[in-house]
């Protein structure tokens, strides 16, 4: 992946919604304003609100799962 693709994946809401939360969780909405004092907002939804479900998101293991999803999404775009 090129640096430009990584930048787009992290800064464009239309890409963030495809990879930002590890499956089976989903990012329903995303906003990203890169100006100083800008805004970053995401709305996530998952299968349940239990602690076990949160662990299954993958965040306890770091961003590896979400990173894999970013790479797969950006590769689909060409």
C-alpha atoms as a PDB file:
ATOM      1  CA  UNK A   1       0.000   0.000   0.000  1.00  0.00           C
ATOM      2  CA  UNK A   2       1.235   3.466  -0.801  1.00  0.00           C
ATOM      3  CA  UNK A   3       1.519   6.234   1.821  1.00  0.00           C
ATOM      4  CA  UNK A   4      -1.240   8.055  -0.072  1.00  0.00           C
ATOM      5  CA  UNK A   5      -3.588   5.079   0.324  1.00  0.00           C
ATOM      6  CA  UNK A   6      -2.832   4.830   4.053  1.00  0.00           C
ATOM      7  CA  UNK A   7      -3.506   8.578   4.454  1.00  0.00           C
ATOM      8  CA  UNK A   8      -6.798   8.297   2.568  1.00  0.00           C
ATOM      9  CA  UNK A   9      -7.803   5.250   4.598  1.00  0.00           C
ATOM     10  CA  UNK A  10      -7.311   7.148   7.871  1.00  0.00           C
ATOM     11  CA  UNK A  11      -8.657  10.549   6.822  1.00  0.00           C
ATOM     12  CA  UNK A  12     -11.625   9.978   4.506  1.00  0.00           C
ATOM     13  CA  UNK A  13     -14.891   8.967   6.173  1.00  0.00           C
ATOM     14  CA  UNK A  14     -15.957   6.971   3.126  1.00  0.00           C
ATOM     15  CA  UNK A  15     -12.983   4.666   3.795  1.00  0.00           C
ATOM     16  CA  UNK A  16     -13.089   4.703   7.608  1.00  0.00           C
ATOM     17  CA  UNK A  17     -16.545   3.142   7.672  1.00  0.00           C
ATOM     18  CA  UNK A  18     -15.175   0.063   5.871  1.00  0.00           C
ATOM     19  CA  UNK A  19     -12.356  -0.835   8.234  1.00  0.00           C
ATOM     20  CA  UNK A  20     -12.152   1.238  11.434  1.00  0.00           C
ATOM     21  CA  UNK A  21     -13.709  -1.343  13.784  1.00  0.00           C
ATOM     22  CA  UNK A  22     -12.726  -5.006  13.771  1.00  0.00           C
ATOM     23  CA  UNK A  23     -15.449  -7.284  12.353  1.00  0.00           C
ATOM     24  CA  UNK A  24     -18.095  -8.244  13.415  1.00  0.00           C
ATOM     25  CA  UNK A  25     -18.374  -4.692  14.766  1.00  0.00           C
ATOM     26  CA  UNK A  26     -19.152  -1.946  12.252  1.00  0.00           C
ATOM     27  CA  UNK A  27     -18.459   1.753  11.926  1.00  0.00           C
ATOM     28  CA  UNK A  28     -21.819   3.273  11.078  1.00  0.00           C
ATOM     29  CA  UNK A  29     -20.715   6.905  10.706  1.00  0.00           C
ATOM     30  CA  UNK A  30     -17.438   8.781  10.556  1.00  0.00           C
ATOM     31  CA  UNK A  31     -16.382  12.417  10.401  1.00  0.00           C
ATOM     32  CA  UNK A  32     -12.844  13.641   9.971  1.00  0.00           C
ATOM     33  CA  UNK A  33     -11.937  17.343   9.869  1.00  0.00           C
ATOM     34  CA  UNK A  34      -8.176  17.678   9.606  1.00  0.00           C
ATOM     35  CA  UNK A  35      -8.004  21.391  10.368  1.00  0.00           C
ATOM     36  CA  UNK A  36      -6.445  22.531  13.668  1.00  0.00           C
ATOM     37  CA  UNK A  37      -9.056  22.043  16.395  1.00  0.00           C
ATOM     38  CA  UNK A  38     -10.929  19.870  13.882  1.00  0.00           C
ATOM     39  CA  UNK A  39     -13.153  16.929  14.667  1.00  0.00           C
ATOM     40  CA  UNK A  40     -12.837  13.170  14.559  1.00  0.00           C
ATOM     41  CA  UNK A  41     -16.009  11.256  15.318  1.00  0.00           C
ATOM     42  CA  UNK A  42     -17.086   7.694  14.723  1.00  0.00           C
ATOM     43  CA  UNK A  43     -20.219   5.750  15.606  1.00  0.00           C
ATOM     44  CA  UNK A  44     -19.692   2.036  16.140  1.00  0.00           C
ATOM     45  CA  UNK A  45     -22.155  -0.825  16.586  1.00  0.00           C
ATOM     46  CA  UNK A  46     -21.577  -4.352  17.680  1.00  0.00           C
ATOM     47  CA  UNK A  47     -23.388  -7.591  18.315  1.00  0.00           C
ATOM     48  CA  UNK A  48     -23.781  -6.904  22.065  1.00  0.00           C
ATOM     49  CA  UNK A  49     -22.611  -4.518  24.763  1.00  0.00           C
ATOM     50  CA  UNK A  50     -20.905  -7.051  27.035  1.00  0.00           C
ATOM     51  CA  UNK A  51     -17.275  -6.884  28.128  1.00  0.00           C
ATOM     52  CA  UNK A  52     -16.648 -10.179  26.373  1.00  0.00           C
ATOM     53  CA  UNK A  53     -17.967  -8.719  23.111  1.00  0.00           C
ATOM     54  CA  UNK A  54     -15.629  -5.742  23.552  1.00  0.00           C
ATOM     55  CA  UNK A  55     -12.690  -8.107  23.930  1.00  0.00           C
ATOM     56  CA  UNK A  56     -13.782  -9.862  20.747  1.00  0.00           C
ATOM     57  CA  UNK A  57     -13.467  -6.570  18.861  1.00  0.00           C
ATOM     58  CA  UNK A  58      -9.733  -7.103  18.926  1.00  0.00           C
ATOM     59  CA  UNK A  59      -8.694  -3.897  20.664  1.00  0.00           C
ATOM     60  CA  UNK A  60      -7.174  -5.846  23.550  1.00  0.00           C
ATOM     61  CA  UNK A  61      -4.730  -7.279  21.001  1.00  0.00           C
ATOM     62  CA  UNK A  62      -4.039  -3.913  19.415  1.00  0.00           C
ATOM     63  CA  UNK A  63      -5.084  -2.592  16.014  1.00  0.00           C
ATOM     64  CA  UNK A  64      -3.891  -5.600  14.029  1.00  0.00           C
ATOM     65  CA  UNK A  65      -7.337  -6.790  12.966  1.00  0.00           C
ATOM     66  CA  UNK A  66      -8.495  -3.304  11.969  1.00  0.00           C
ATOM     67  CA  UNK A  67      -5.214  -2.701  10.118  1.00  0.00           C
ATOM     68  CA  UNK A  68      -5.775  -5.861   8.088  1.00  0.00           C
ATOM     69  CA  UNK A  69      -9.243  -4.546   7.215  1.00  0.00           C
ATOM     70  CA  UNK A  70      -7.782  -1.177   6.130  1.00  0.00           C
ATOM     71  CA  UNK A  71      -5.298  -2.907   3.844  1.00  0.00           C
ATOM     72  CA  UNK A  72      -7.976  -5.141   2.304  1.00  0.00           C
ATOM     73  CA  UNK A  73     -10.342  -2.200   1.725  1.00  0.00           C
ATOM     74  CA  UNK A  74      -7.727   0.021   0.092  1.00  0.00           C
ATOM     75  CA  UNK A  75      -6.526  -2.848  -2.140  1.00  0.00           C
ATOM     76  CA  UNK A  76     -10.097  -3.269  -3.412  1.00  0.00           C
ATOM     77  CA  UNK A  77     -10.008   0.332  -4.595  1.00  0.00           C
ATOM     78  CA  UNK A  78      -6.941  -0.305  -6.700  1.00  0.00           C
END
